[in-house]
Every structure is written in C-alpha cells, then in structure tokens.
Amino acid sequence: MDRNEQVLSLIGLCLRGRNLEVGEEPVEAVSRARDARVILLASDAAENTARRVQRFAETGQCVWLRVPFTKRELGQATGRGSAAVAAVTDIGLAVAVARRLAELDPEKYDEDLAKLELKAKRAAERKIEAARHEKNLRRGVKRPKKTDNEAESSPEARADHRKPTGRTPSGERRTEKAGSRPDSGRRKSGEQADTPRPGNGGAQRRPLRKSGSRPSKSNRPKPRGKANPYAHSRPVKKGKGSFRKKEG
C-alpha cells in the first residue's frame, strides 16, 4: 500500500468513526458550530468551491488543505461517487491526516501540521484539567487559599485600591454642603423640638411618650362623642313592610 492509499484509508477510517462530514452543506454546518478541525478540498475542485471552503475555515477557525486527490478518488474513499469537500471533526485524526500528507509533501503541509499539533496539545491540556477538576469535585477538594503576596498582586486587590474614598486629595474628609440640615440624627425619646412645626399655628411639638408608659386598653379613657339618639329605641323587624314591634 503506497502513501496515497494510506491517506485515503485514514479518511475512510474517519468516516467509519463518524468523525467526517462530506459535502458543502454538512461542512458549512460543522464549521459554523466550530466542530471542524481540518477541511479537505479535492485537487480538481472549482475556484468558487475553494473560496467557500476558505470562508468556512475562517468562520470555524480551523485549517483547510487542498489534498492531492481528485473528487472521484475522495468520493471513493468516503463511499460516494464524487466528493469535493470533506471535514474531519476529531483533532487526533486531523493531526494524523495532516502528518500523512506532510510525508507526501513536507514543504506544502508542514506549516499546517504545526498548527494542528499545537491545537491538539492545547486540547489535551484542557482535557487533563477538566478531568482533574472533576476528580477534585468528587473528593471535595477546594482550591488553596491565596497568600498575602498573591492577594495583593491580584487584579481584584488592585481594583479595590482604586476605589474612591470619602477624603479629599489633601487628606481631609469632605464636609457637608451648605444648606444641609445640621442635626440629621434622631431625637431621643421625650425630647421636645426647640422650634414650632411649620403649618401648625405656632404650637410646639408634643413630647414623645416614653416606652412602657402607654396605658392598657382597658384603662384608656373612652372618647367623648355625641350621645346616640337611638340608644333606647326598639329594634326594627327587617323584611317587607318593616314596622316597629308593638308592645304585647
């Protein structure tokens, strides 16, 4: 088996593992979802197709390669009669395909292979970090507390130092504005106001009752009001043709 057949066999392996999308519409969908890792373009594809593939790669932030296979050869490897575009969605398989192509033409594919290897390294680091974090969650391990030097050098501490304070640049505290009330605190219980309240006819304010001096409900004086003129009247029978009860 020569190297070209090895690359095509690897592409077929990606298809069997469901890590390959074939056709412009599926490739565009995975590129917009940023699931594509490398886009493969046939050597005899049209220029319009090449421009669309370049736009797909920019949208999905991935690498695109023009492979040395025709649309017929790429279609046979993917189980179709013809295929101009295909996208590998697994980073490991994408690096393997790029490495096989770099063995065929190092000058053309070495730079793209380096990009894919860097992405694969970062993906492996993220995977290890996620597994470690999940393990710590299961064990209940928390992050260690920061030391004093780390806390002072953190951006949160620097932001706290920049918060405005109630002091002027000279170091003195800001005074109240003119016209503000000099005595804004609450008066103590039983303390009278020195000045009469406005709109009260000049009468002084009634002193507040001390706590615990309020009489009980039974000892309170009853309000003085007008006598009820119907206090000793006879009850009225309700219903049709109401009349007063006759004395029996």
C-alpha atoms as a PDB file:
ATOM      1  CA  MET A   1       0.000   0.000   0.000  1.00  0.00           C
ATOM      2  CA  ASP A   2       1.518   3.306  -1.097  1.00  0.00           C
ATOM      3  CA  ARG A   3       1.248   6.582   0.843  1.00  0.00           C
ATOM      4  CA  ASN A   4      -1.688   7.929  -1.171  1.00  0.00           C
ATOM      5  CA  GLU A   5      -3.711   4.833  -0.353  1.00  0.00           C
ATOM      6  CA  GLN A   6      -2.737   5.179   3.315  1.00  0.00           C
ATOM      7  CA  VAL A   7      -4.146   8.718   3.417  1.00  0.00           C
ATOM      8  CA  LEU A   8      -7.351   7.640   1.689  1.00  0.00           C
ATOM      9  CA  SER A   9      -7.670   4.678   4.048  1.00  0.00           C
ATOM     10  CA  LEU A  10      -7.265   7.031   7.024  1.00  0.00           C
ATOM     11  CA  ILE A  11     -10.012   9.271   5.621  1.00  0.00           C
ATOM     12  CA  GLY A  12     -12.270   6.222   5.309  1.00  0.00           C
ATOM     13  CA  LEU A  13     -11.466   5.372   8.933  1.00  0.00           C
ATOM     14  CA  CYS A  14     -12.639   8.856   9.953  1.00  0.00           C
ATOM     15  CA  LEU A  15     -15.911   8.211   8.120  1.00  0.00           C
ATOM     16  CA  ARG A  16     -16.466   4.872   9.852  1.00  0.00           C
ATOM     17  CA  GLY A  17     -15.822   6.502  13.209  1.00  0.00           C
ATOM     18  CA  ARG A  18     -18.391   9.235  12.422  1.00  0.00           C
ATOM     19  CA  ASN A  19     -15.701  11.893  12.564  1.00  0.00           C
ATOM     20  CA  LEU A  20     -16.044  13.024   8.928  1.00  0.00           C
ATOM     21  CA  GLU A  21     -18.573  15.267   7.177  1.00  0.00           C
ATOM     22  CA  VAL A  22     -18.797  15.158   3.383  1.00  0.00           C
ATOM     23  CA  GLY A  23     -20.377  17.839   1.165  1.00  0.00           C
ATOM     24  CA  GLU A  24     -20.571  21.608   1.259  1.00  0.00           C
ATOM     25  CA  GLU A  25     -23.682  21.922   3.453  1.00  0.00           C
ATOM     26  CA  PRO A  26     -22.550  19.494   6.198  1.00  0.00           C
ATOM     27  CA  VAL A  27     -19.076  21.047   6.183  1.00  0.00           C
ATOM     28  CA  GLU A  28     -20.569  24.527   6.481  1.00  0.00           C
ATOM     29  CA  ALA A  29     -22.743  23.375   9.424  1.00  0.00           C
ATOM     30  CA  VAL A  30     -19.843  21.905  11.415  1.00  0.00           C
ATOM     31  CA  SER A  31     -17.707  24.949  10.612  1.00  0.00           C
ATOM     32  CA  ARG A  32     -20.329  27.331  11.972  1.00  0.00           C
ATOM     33  CA  ALA A  33     -20.586  25.150  15.080  1.00  0.00           C
ATOM     34  CA  ARG A  34     -16.759  25.226  15.304  1.00  0.00           C
ATOM     35  CA  ASP A  35     -16.576  21.449  15.363  1.00  0.00           C
ATOM     36  CA  ALA A  36     -14.413  21.123  12.237  1.00  0.00           C
ATOM     37  CA  ARG A  37     -10.690  20.572  12.812  1.00  0.00           C
ATOM     38  CA  VAL A  38      -9.437  20.334   9.227  1.00  0.00           C
ATOM     39  CA  ILE A  39     -11.242  20.779   5.899  1.00  0.00           C
ATOM     40  CA  LEU A  40     -10.044  18.742   2.920  1.00  0.00           C
ATOM     41  CA  LEU A  41     -10.503  20.060  -0.618  1.00  0.00           C
ATOM     42  CA  ALA A  42     -10.073  17.959  -3.761  1.00  0.00           C
ATOM     43  CA  SER A  43      -7.343  18.943  -6.195  1.00  0.00           C
ATOM     44  CA  ASP A  44      -9.726  19.420  -9.148  1.00  0.00           C
ATOM     45  CA  ALA A  45     -12.361  21.422  -7.211  1.00  0.00           C
ATOM     46  CA  ALA A  46     -13.552  24.704  -8.732  1.00  0.00           C
ATOM     47  CA  GLU A  47     -12.253  28.092  -7.593  1.00  0.00           C
ATOM     48  CA  ASN A  48     -15.679  29.074  -6.257  1.00  0.00           C
ATOM     49  CA  THR A  49     -15.644  25.973  -4.072  1.00  0.00           C
ATOM     50  CA  ALA A  50     -12.144  26.871  -2.864  1.00  0.00           C
ATOM     51  CA  ARG A  51     -13.300  30.360  -1.877  1.00  0.00           C
ATOM     52  CA  ARG A  52     -16.270  28.937   0.016  1.00  0.00           C
ATOM     53  CA  VAL A  53     -14.015  26.457   1.811  1.00  0.00           C
ATOM     54  CA  GLN A  54     -11.681  29.292   2.794  1.00  0.00           C
ATOM     55  CA  ARG A  55     -14.648  31.196   4.214  1.00  0.00           C
ATOM     56  CA  PHE A  56     -15.775  28.073   6.114  1.00  0.00           C
ATOM     57  CA  ALA A  57     -12.292  27.756   7.643  1.00  0.00           C
ATOM     58  CA  GLU A  58     -12.287  31.398   8.730  1.00  0.00           C
ATOM     59  CA  THR A  59     -15.729  31.000  10.296  1.00  0.00           C
ATOM     60  CA  GLY A  60     -14.826  27.803  12.144  1.00  0.00           C
ATOM     61  CA  GLN A  61     -11.251  28.920  12.950  1.00  0.00           C
ATOM     62  CA  CYS A  62      -9.785  25.740  11.532  1.00  0.00           C
ATOM     63  CA  VAL A  63      -7.248  24.670   8.888  1.00  0.00           C
ATOM     64  CA  TRP A  64      -8.141  23.800   5.293  1.00  0.00           C
ATOM     65  CA  LEU A  65      -5.921  21.727   2.963  1.00  0.00           C
ATOM     66  CA  ARG A  66      -6.007  21.036  -0.746  1.00  0.00           C
ATOM     67  CA  VAL A  67      -5.269  17.322  -0.908  1.00  0.00           C
ATOM     68  CA  PRO A  68      -3.573  15.654  -3.907  1.00  0.00           C
ATOM     69  CA  PHE A  69      -6.684  13.605  -4.741  1.00  0.00           C
ATOM     70  CA  THR A  70      -9.390  14.167  -7.290  1.00  0.00           C
ATOM     71  CA  LYS A  71     -13.069  14.391  -6.483  1.00  0.00           C
ATOM     72  CA  ARG A  72     -13.544  10.830  -7.714  1.00  0.00           C
ATOM     73  CA  GLU A  73     -10.774   9.429  -5.503  1.00  0.00           C
ATOM     74  CA  LEU A  74     -12.020  11.374  -2.475  1.00  0.00           C
ATOM     75  CA  GLY A  75     -15.566  10.187  -3.191  1.00  0.00           C
ATOM     76  CA  GLN A  76     -14.496   6.544  -3.363  1.00  0.00           C
ATOM     77  CA  ALA A  77     -12.737   6.881  -0.008  1.00  0.00           C
ATOM     78  CA  THR A  78     -15.908   8.336   1.557  1.00  0.00           C
ATOM     79  CA  GLY A  79     -18.358   5.899  -0.066  1.00  0.00           C
ATOM     80  CA  ARG A  80     -19.672   8.322  -2.701  1.00  0.00           C
ATOM     81  CA  GLY A  81     -19.317   8.698  -6.419  1.00  0.00           C
ATOM     82  CA  SER A  82     -17.737  12.141  -6.112  1.00  0.00           C
ATOM     83  CA  ALA A  83     -16.800  14.456  -3.231  1.00  0.00           C
ATOM     84  CA  ALA A  84     -15.089  17.828  -3.436  1.00  0.00           C
ATOM     85  CA  VAL A  85     -15.132  18.838   0.245  1.00  0.00           C
ATOM     86  CA  ALA A  86     -14.801  16.895   3.500  1.00  0.00           C
ATOM     87  CA  ALA A  87     -14.194  17.945   7.108  1.00  0.00           C
ATOM     88  CA  VAL A  88     -12.585  15.954   9.926  1.00  0.00           C
ATOM     89  CA  THR A  89     -14.162  16.715  13.335  1.00  0.00           C
ATOM     90  CA  ASP A  90     -11.664  14.915  15.619  1.00  0.00           C
ATOM     91  CA  ILE A  91      -8.402  16.672  16.459  1.00  0.00           C
ATOM     92  CA  GLY A  92      -6.388  13.445  16.773  1.00  0.00           C
ATOM     93  CA  LEU A  93      -7.489  12.124  13.385  1.00  0.00           C
ATOM     94  CA  ALA A  94      -6.964  15.569  11.859  1.00  0.00           C
ATOM     95  CA  VAL A  95      -3.338  15.572  13.030  1.00  0.00           C
ATOM     96  CA  ALA A  96      -2.875  12.037  11.680  1.00  0.00           C
ATOM     97  CA  VAL A  97      -4.209  13.025   8.229  1.00  0.00           C
ATOM     98  CA  ALA A  98      -2.036  16.157   8.150  1.00  0.00           C
ATOM     99  CA  ARG A  99       1.006  14.120   9.177  1.00  0.00           C
ATOM    100  CA  ARG A 100       0.391  11.644   6.339  1.00  0.00           C
ATOM    101  CA  LEU A 101       0.063  14.497   3.881  1.00  0.00           C
ATOM    102  CA  ALA A 102       3.271  16.110   5.232  1.00  0.00           C
ATOM    103  CA  GLU A 103       5.105  12.875   4.454  1.00  0.00           C
ATOM    104  CA  LEU A 104       3.969  13.250   0.839  1.00  0.00           C
ATOM    105  CA  ASP A 105       4.842  16.966   0.500  1.00  0.00           C
ATOM    106  CA  PRO A 106       6.664  18.431   3.528  1.00  0.00           C
ATOM    107  CA  GLU A 107       7.020  21.957   2.088  1.00  0.00           C
ATOM    108  CA  LYS A 108       3.299  22.303   1.467  1.00  0.00           C
ATOM    109  CA  TYR A 109       1.865  20.763   4.636  1.00  0.00           C
ATOM    110  CA  ASP A 110       4.495  21.263   7.393  1.00  0.00           C
ATOM    111  CA  GLU A 111       3.155  24.662   8.489  1.00  0.00           C
ATOM    112  CA  ASP A 112      -0.430  23.432   8.711  1.00  0.00           C
ATOM    113  CA  LEU A 113       0.749  20.326  10.578  1.00  0.00           C
ATOM    114  CA  ALA A 114       2.449  22.535  13.196  1.00  0.00           C
ATOM    115  CA  LYS A 115      -0.783  24.480  13.715  1.00  0.00           C
ATOM    116  CA  LEU A 116      -2.802  21.297  14.180  1.00  0.00           C
ATOM    117  CA  GLU A 117      -0.250  19.825  16.586  1.00  0.00           C
ATOM    118  CA  LEU A 118      -0.413  22.994  18.701  1.00  0.00           C
ATOM    119  CA  LYS A 119      -4.210  22.792  18.788  1.00  0.00           C
ATOM    120  CA  ALA A 120      -4.028  19.108  19.724  1.00  0.00           C
ATOM    121  CA  LYS A 121      -1.636  19.918  22.580  1.00  0.00           C
ATOM    122  CA  ARG A 122      -3.942  22.613  23.948  1.00  0.00           C
ATOM    123  CA  ALA A 123      -6.956  20.309  23.660  1.00  0.00           C
ATOM    124  CA  ALA A 124      -5.121  17.599  25.606  1.00  0.00           C
ATOM    125  CA  GLU A 125      -4.212  20.106  28.342  1.00  0.00           C
ATOM    126  CA  ARG A 126      -7.827  21.240  28.628  1.00  0.00           C
ATOM    127  CA  LYS A 127      -8.969  17.617  28.835  1.00  0.00           C
ATOM    128  CA  ILE A 128      -6.490  16.857  31.630  1.00  0.00           C
ATOM    129  CA  GLU A 129      -7.507  19.988  33.526  1.00  0.00           C
ATOM    130  CA  ALA A 130     -11.209  19.118  33.216  1.00  0.00           C
ATOM    131  CA  ALA A 131     -10.580  15.564  34.477  1.00  0.00           C
ATOM    132  CA  ARG A 132      -8.563  16.894  37.404  1.00  0.00           C
ATOM    133  CA  HIS A 133     -11.279  19.398  38.285  1.00  0.00           C
ATOM    134  CA  GLU A 134     -13.966  16.690  38.187  1.00  0.00           C
ATOM    135  CA  LYS A 135     -11.823  14.485  40.438  1.00  0.00           C
ATOM    136  CA  ASN A 136     -11.421  17.318  42.947  1.00  0.00           C
ATOM    137  CA  LEU A 137     -15.172  17.879  42.962  1.00  0.00           C
ATOM    138  CA  ARG A 138     -15.812  14.232  43.771  1.00  0.00           C
ATOM    139  CA  ARG A 139     -13.297  14.339  46.609  1.00  0.00           C
ATOM    140  CA  GLY A 140     -14.492  17.694  47.881  1.00  0.00           C
ATOM    141  CA  VAL A 141     -11.072  19.301  47.478  1.00  0.00           C
ATOM    142  CA  LYS A 142     -11.127  23.083  47.239  1.00  0.00           C
ATOM    143  CA  ARG A 143      -8.572  25.438  45.757  1.00  0.00           C
ATOM    144  CA  PRO A 144      -5.838  26.529  48.194  1.00  0.00           C
ATOM    145  CA  LYS A 145      -6.218  29.992  49.649  1.00  0.00           C
ATOM    146  CA  LYS A 146      -4.018  32.725  48.252  1.00  0.00           C
ATOM    147  CA  THR A 147      -1.145  34.048  50.331  1.00  0.00           C
ATOM    148  CA  ASP A 148      -0.871  37.714  51.302  1.00  0.00           C
ATOM    149  CA  ASN A 149       1.550  38.498  48.479  1.00  0.00           C
ATOM    150  CA  GLU A 150      -0.646  36.771  45.881  1.00  0.00           C
ATOM    151  CA  ALA A 151      -3.761  38.503  47.210  1.00  0.00           C
ATOM    152  CA  GLU A 152      -2.117  41.931  46.988  1.00  0.00           C
ATOM    153  CA  SER A 153      -0.869  41.290  43.461  1.00  0.00           C
ATOM    154  CA  SER A 154      -4.256  40.025  42.235  1.00  0.00           C
ATOM    155  CA  PRO A 155      -6.291  42.310  39.915  1.00  0.00           C
ATOM    156  CA  GLU A 156      -9.189  42.345  42.413  1.00  0.00           C
ATOM    157  CA  ALA A 157      -6.962  43.847  45.099  1.00  0.00           C
ATOM    158  CA  ARG A 158      -5.628  46.466  42.703  1.00  0.00           C
ATOM    159  CA  ALA A 159      -9.189  47.398  41.745  1.00  0.00           C
ATOM    160  CA  ASP A 160     -10.086  47.842  45.442  1.00  0.00           C
ATOM    161  CA  HIS A 161      -7.191  50.258  45.917  1.00  0.00           C
ATOM    162  CA  ARG A 162      -8.509  52.409  43.089  1.00  0.00           C
ATOM    163  CA  LYS A 163     -11.985  52.793  44.621  1.00  0.00           C
ATOM    164  CA  PRO A 164     -12.868  56.420  45.571  1.00  0.00           C
ATOM    165  CA  THR A 165     -12.836  57.277  49.279  1.00  0.00           C
ATOM    166  CA  GLY A 166     -14.514  59.991  51.301  1.00  0.00           C
ATOM    167  CA  ARG A 167     -11.308  62.018  51.603  1.00  0.00           C
ATOM    168  CA  THR A 168     -10.162  64.981  49.568  1.00  0.00           C
ATOM    169  CA  PRO A 169      -6.755  64.960  47.807  1.00  0.00           C
ATOM    170  CA  SER A 170      -5.300  66.906  50.775  1.00  0.00           C
ATOM    171  CA  GLY A 171      -6.303  64.128  53.163  1.00  0.00           C
ATOM    172  CA  GLU A 172      -9.214  65.907  54.863  1.00  0.00           C
ATOM    173  CA  ARG A 173     -12.681  64.444  54.931  1.00  0.00           C
ATOM    174  CA  ARG A 174     -15.353  66.049  52.820  1.00  0.00           C
ATOM    175  CA  THR A 175     -17.662  68.405  54.727  1.00  0.00           C
ATOM    176  CA  GLU A 176     -21.405  68.653  54.272  1.00  0.00           C
ATOM    177  CA  LYS A 177     -22.783  71.017  51.685  1.00  0.00           C
ATOM    178  CA  ALA A 178     -24.098  74.410  52.696  1.00  0.00           C
ATOM    179  CA  GLY A 179     -27.798  74.468  53.427  1.00  0.00           C
ATOM    180  CA  SER A 180     -27.933  70.893  54.648  1.00  0.00           C
ATOM    181  CA  ARG A 181     -29.600  70.097  57.953  1.00  0.00           C
ATOM    182  CA  PRO A 182     -27.100  70.470  60.809  1.00  0.00           C
ATOM    183  CA  ASP A 183     -28.870  67.936  63.013  1.00  0.00           C
ATOM    184  CA  SER A 184     -29.833  64.932  60.928  1.00  0.00           C
ATOM    185  CA  GLY A 185     -29.839  62.404  63.766  1.00  0.00           C
ATOM    186  CA  ARG A 186     -32.972  61.242  65.506  1.00  0.00           C
ATOM    187  CA  ARG A 187     -34.058  62.909  68.738  1.00  0.00           C
ATOM    188  CA  LYS A 188     -34.135  60.885  71.860  1.00  0.00           C
ATOM    189  CA  SER A 189     -37.448  59.800  73.333  1.00  0.00           C
ATOM    190  CA  GLY A 190     -39.122  62.501  75.436  1.00  0.00           C
ATOM    191  CA  GLU A 191     -37.061  65.318  73.876  1.00  0.00           C
ATOM    192  CA  GLN A 192     -39.015  68.314  72.569  1.00  0.00           C
ATOM    193  CA  ALA A 193     -38.288  70.307  69.470  1.00  0.00           C
ATOM    194  CA  ASP A 194     -36.965  73.819  70.096  1.00  0.00           C
ATOM    195  CA  THR A 195     -38.778  75.393  67.164  1.00  0.00           C
ATOM    196  CA  PRO A 196     -42.506  75.127  66.416  1.00  0.00           C
ATOM    197  CA  ARG A 197     -43.554  72.991  63.481  1.00  0.00           C
ATOM    198  CA  PRO A 198     -44.464  74.918  60.316  1.00  0.00           C
ATOM    199  CA  GLY A 199     -48.167  74.993  59.458  1.00  0.00           C
ATOM    200  CA  ASN A 200     -49.210  74.021  62.999  1.00  0.00           C
ATOM    201  CA  GLY A 201     -50.275  77.517  64.131  1.00  0.00           C
ATOM    202  CA  GLY A 202     -47.040  78.045  66.029  1.00  0.00           C
ATOM    203  CA  ALA A 203     -47.836  75.252  68.518  1.00  0.00           C
ATOM    204  CA  GLN A 204     -44.990  73.327  69.980  1.00  0.00           C
ATOM    205  CA  ARG A 205     -44.485  69.692  69.182  1.00  0.00           C
ATOM    206  CA  ARG A 206     -45.975  67.258  71.685  1.00  0.00           C
ATOM    207  CA  PRO A 207     -43.285  65.310  73.556  1.00  0.00           C
ATOM    208  CA  LEU A 208     -42.917  61.677  72.687  1.00  0.00           C
ATOM    209  CA  ARG A 209     -44.247  59.153  75.179  1.00  0.00           C
ATOM    210  CA  LYS A 210     -41.624  57.038  76.862  1.00  0.00           C
ATOM    211  CA  SER A 211     -41.544  53.355  76.154  1.00  0.00           C
ATOM    212  CA  GLY A 212     -43.673  51.344  78.583  1.00  0.00           C
ATOM    213  CA  SER A 213     -45.801  54.340  79.693  1.00  0.00           C
ATOM    214  CA  ARG A 214     -48.733  53.609  77.381  1.00  0.00           C
ATOM    215  CA  PRO A 215     -51.812  52.521  79.421  1.00  0.00           C
ATOM    216  CA  SER A 216     -53.518  49.235  78.750  1.00  0.00           C
ATOM    217  CA  LYS A 217     -56.582  49.044  76.567  1.00  0.00           C
ATOM    218  CA  SER A 218     -58.956  48.655  79.494  1.00  0.00           C
ATOM    219  CA  ASN A 219     -57.523  51.717  81.284  1.00  0.00           C
ATOM    220  CA  ARG A 220     -57.655  54.027  78.330  1.00  0.00           C
ATOM    221  CA  PRO A 221     -60.192  56.872  78.568  1.00  0.00           C
ATOM    222  CA  LYS A 222     -63.157  56.440  76.285  1.00  0.00           C
ATOM    223  CA  PRO A 223     -63.537  59.045  73.565  1.00  0.00           C
ATOM    224  CA  ARG A 224     -66.111  61.731  74.187  1.00  0.00           C
ATOM    225  CA  GLY A 225     -68.668  61.920  71.426  1.00  0.00           C
ATOM    226  CA  LYS A 226     -72.290  62.809  70.842  1.00  0.00           C
ATOM    227  CA  ALA A 227     -74.922  60.704  72.584  1.00  0.00           C
ATOM    228  CA  ASN A 228     -76.615  58.084  70.449  1.00  0.00           C
ATOM    229  CA  PRO A 229     -80.224  59.218  69.924  1.00  0.00           C
ATOM    230  CA  TYR A 230     -81.332  55.650  69.193  1.00  0.00           C
ATOM    231  CA  ALA A 231     -79.711  54.023  72.225  1.00  0.00           C
ATOM    232  CA  HIS A 232     -83.082  53.173  73.933  1.00  0.00           C
ATOM    233  CA  SER A 233     -85.208  52.609  70.807  1.00  0.00           C
ATOM    234  CA  ARG A 234     -86.928  49.330  70.000  1.00  0.00           C
ATOM    235  CA  PRO A 235     -85.376  47.037  67.347  1.00  0.00           C
ATOM    236  CA  VAL A 236     -86.820  47.161  63.861  1.00  0.00           C
ATOM    237  CA  LYS A 237     -88.043  43.991  62.185  1.00  0.00           C
ATOM    238  CA  LYS A 238     -86.427  43.536  58.801  1.00  0.00           C
ATOM    239  CA  GLY A 239     -88.340  42.445  55.765  1.00  0.00           C
ATOM    240  CA  LYS A 240     -91.199  43.570  53.627  1.00  0.00           C
ATOM    241  CA  GLY A 241     -93.404  46.102  55.344  1.00  0.00           C
ATOM    242  CA  SER A 242     -90.992  46.859  58.173  1.00  0.00           C
ATOM    243  CA  PHE A 243     -92.640  48.224  61.290  1.00  0.00           C
ATOM    244  CA  ARG A 244     -91.799  48.666  64.893  1.00  0.00           C
ATOM    245  CA  LYS A 245     -92.694  45.866  67.278  1.00  0.00           C
ATOM    246  CA  LYS A 246     -95.867  46.505  69.178  1.00  0.00           C
ATOM    247  CA  GLU A 247     -95.731  46.154  72.863  1.00  0.00           C
ATOM    248  CA  GLY A 248     -97.529  42.941  73.869  1.00  0.00           C
END
